[in-house]
């Protein structure tokens, strides 16, 4: 099962655009620290070929694409706020 990972430095209000050649699960994750304890915020879309995910706050965000297709083609981009 192919897994694609990417890391982006984004600002709040930016929109991450993910396109895939096959249906997949798309996750946008951010790690932040709240009172010294790590916390992860996750935005997900499942069973889609594309997703437009709005970033709620600035920071480093990780994109994870999970697919059952062995020859997955994909693109990850963002639209600034």
C-alpha atoms as a PDB file:
ATOM      1  CA  UNK A   1       0.000   0.000   0.000  1.00  0.00           C
ATOM      2  CA  UNK A   2       1.707   3.232  -1.143  1.00  0.00           C
ATOM      3  CA  UNK A   3       2.027   6.088   1.325  1.00  0.00           C
ATOM      4  CA  UNK A   4       3.132   9.588   0.301  1.00  0.00           C
ATOM      5  CA  UNK A   5       4.378  12.087   2.904  1.00  0.00           C
ATOM      6  CA  UNK A   6       5.191  15.794   2.564  1.00  0.00           C
ATOM      7  CA  UNK A   7       5.851  18.649   4.975  1.00  0.00           C
ATOM      8  CA  UNK A   8       4.828  22.280   4.364  1.00  0.00           C
ATOM      9  CA  UNK A   9       5.291  25.511   6.318  1.00  0.00           C
ATOM     10  CA  UNK A  10       1.919  27.241   6.014  1.00  0.00           C
ATOM     11  CA  UNK A  11       0.053  30.274   7.310  1.00  0.00           C
ATOM     12  CA  UNK A  12      -3.460  30.296   8.754  1.00  0.00           C
ATOM     13  CA  UNK A  13      -5.999  30.626   5.946  1.00  0.00           C
ATOM     14  CA  UNK A  14      -3.816  28.908   3.309  1.00  0.00           C
ATOM     15  CA  UNK A  15      -5.518  26.094   1.380  1.00  0.00           C
ATOM     16  CA  UNK A  16      -3.713  22.828   0.655  1.00  0.00           C
ATOM     17  CA  UNK A  17      -4.721  21.256  -2.673  1.00  0.00           C
ATOM     18  CA  UNK A  18      -4.109  17.516  -3.130  1.00  0.00           C
ATOM     19  CA  UNK A  19      -4.909  15.646  -6.344  1.00  0.00           C
ATOM     20  CA  UNK A  20      -4.477  11.887  -6.887  1.00  0.00           C
ATOM     21  CA  UNK A  21      -4.945   9.557  -9.851  1.00  0.00           C
ATOM     22  CA  UNK A  22      -6.997   7.127  -7.715  1.00  0.00           C
ATOM     23  CA  UNK A  23      -9.261   7.281  -4.672  1.00  0.00           C
ATOM     24  CA  UNK A  24      -7.228   7.639  -1.495  1.00  0.00           C
ATOM     25  CA  UNK A  25      -7.239   8.849   2.088  1.00  0.00           C
ATOM     26  CA  UNK A  26      -5.745  12.345   2.487  1.00  0.00           C
ATOM     27  CA  UNK A  27      -4.665  13.646   5.905  1.00  0.00           C
ATOM     28  CA  UNK A  28      -3.319  17.079   6.895  1.00  0.00           C
ATOM     29  CA  UNK A  29      -1.632  17.010  10.310  1.00  0.00           C
ATOM     30  CA  UNK A  30      -0.016  19.626  12.511  1.00  0.00           C
ATOM     31  CA  UNK A  31       1.941  19.122  15.670  1.00  0.00           C
ATOM     32  CA  UNK A  32       1.768  21.840  18.253  1.00  0.00           C
ATOM     33  CA  UNK A  33       2.630  22.052  21.902  1.00  0.00           C
ATOM     34  CA  UNK A  34       0.010  22.891  24.502  1.00  0.00           C
ATOM     35  CA  UNK A  35       1.437  23.411  27.988  1.00  0.00           C
ATOM     36  CA  UNK A  36       4.454  21.310  27.126  1.00  0.00           C
ATOM     37  CA  UNK A  37       2.416  18.341  25.879  1.00  0.00           C
ATOM     38  CA  UNK A  38       2.430  17.502  22.168  1.00  0.00           C
ATOM     39  CA  UNK A  39      -0.935  17.665  20.448  1.00  0.00           C
ATOM     40  CA  UNK A  40      -1.779  16.807  16.848  1.00  0.00           C
ATOM     41  CA  UNK A  41      -4.596  18.406  14.858  1.00  0.00           C
ATOM     42  CA  UNK A  42      -5.787  16.307  11.906  1.00  0.00           C
ATOM     43  CA  UNK A  43      -7.977  17.221   8.925  1.00  0.00           C
ATOM     44  CA  UNK A  44      -8.944  14.209   6.774  1.00  0.00           C
ATOM     45  CA  UNK A  45     -10.728  13.326   3.559  1.00  0.00           C
ATOM     46  CA  UNK A  46     -11.373   9.665   2.751  1.00  0.00           C
ATOM     47  CA  UNK A  47     -12.137   7.911  -0.552  1.00  0.00           C
ATOM     48  CA  UNK A  48     -11.562  10.958  -2.764  1.00  0.00           C
ATOM     49  CA  UNK A  49      -9.258  11.807  -5.682  1.00  0.00           C
ATOM     50  CA  UNK A  50      -8.861  15.448  -4.641  1.00  0.00           C
ATOM     51  CA  UNK A  51      -9.105  17.578  -1.528  1.00  0.00           C
ATOM     52  CA  UNK A  52      -9.032  21.274  -0.624  1.00  0.00           C
ATOM     53  CA  UNK A  53      -8.080  21.618   3.037  1.00  0.00           C
ATOM     54  CA  UNK A  54      -8.025  25.026   4.747  1.00  0.00           C
ATOM     55  CA  UNK A  55      -5.225  25.497   7.295  1.00  0.00           C
ATOM     56  CA  UNK A  56      -6.646  26.901  10.566  1.00  0.00           C
ATOM     57  CA  UNK A  57      -3.373  28.334  11.905  1.00  0.00           C
ATOM     58  CA  UNK A  58       0.269  28.909  10.960  1.00  0.00           C
ATOM     59  CA  UNK A  59       2.894  26.226  11.442  1.00  0.00           C
ATOM     60  CA  UNK A  60       4.444  23.139   9.919  1.00  0.00           C
ATOM     61  CA  UNK A  61       1.816  20.839   8.437  1.00  0.00           C
ATOM     62  CA  UNK A  62       2.340  17.293   7.184  1.00  0.00           C
ATOM     63  CA  UNK A  63       0.393  15.817   4.276  1.00  0.00           C
ATOM     64  CA  UNK A  64      -0.146  12.054   4.234  1.00  0.00           C
ATOM     65  CA  UNK A  65      -1.717  10.272   1.247  1.00  0.00           C
ATOM     66  CA  UNK A  66      -2.687   6.628   1.741  1.00  0.00           C
ATOM     67  CA  UNK A  67      -3.785   4.627  -1.320  1.00  0.00           C
ATOM     68  CA  UNK A  68      -4.333   1.039  -2.457  1.00  0.00           C
ATOM     69  CA  UNK A  69      -3.127   1.902  -5.983  1.00  0.00           C
ATOM     70  CA  UNK A  70       0.428   0.687  -6.674  1.00  0.00           C
ATOM     71  CA  UNK A  71       0.987   3.339  -9.391  1.00  0.00           C
ATOM     72  CA  UNK A  72      -0.405   6.407  -7.650  1.00  0.00           C
ATOM     73  CA  UNK A  73       0.234   9.761  -9.323  1.00  0.00           C
ATOM     74  CA  UNK A  74      -0.270  12.799  -7.119  1.00  0.00           C
ATOM     75  CA  UNK A  75       0.291  16.520  -6.742  1.00  0.00           C
ATOM     76  CA  UNK A  76       0.409  18.609  -3.568  1.00  0.00           C
ATOM     77  CA  UNK A  77       0.242  22.396  -3.737  1.00  0.00           C
ATOM     78  CA  UNK A  78      -1.209  25.275  -1.744  1.00  0.00           C
ATOM     79  CA  UNK A  79      -3.024  28.534  -2.348  1.00  0.00           C
ATOM     80  CA  UNK A  80      -1.842  31.367  -0.079  1.00  0.00           C
ATOM     81  CA  UNK A  81      -4.434  33.211   2.010  1.00  0.00           C
END
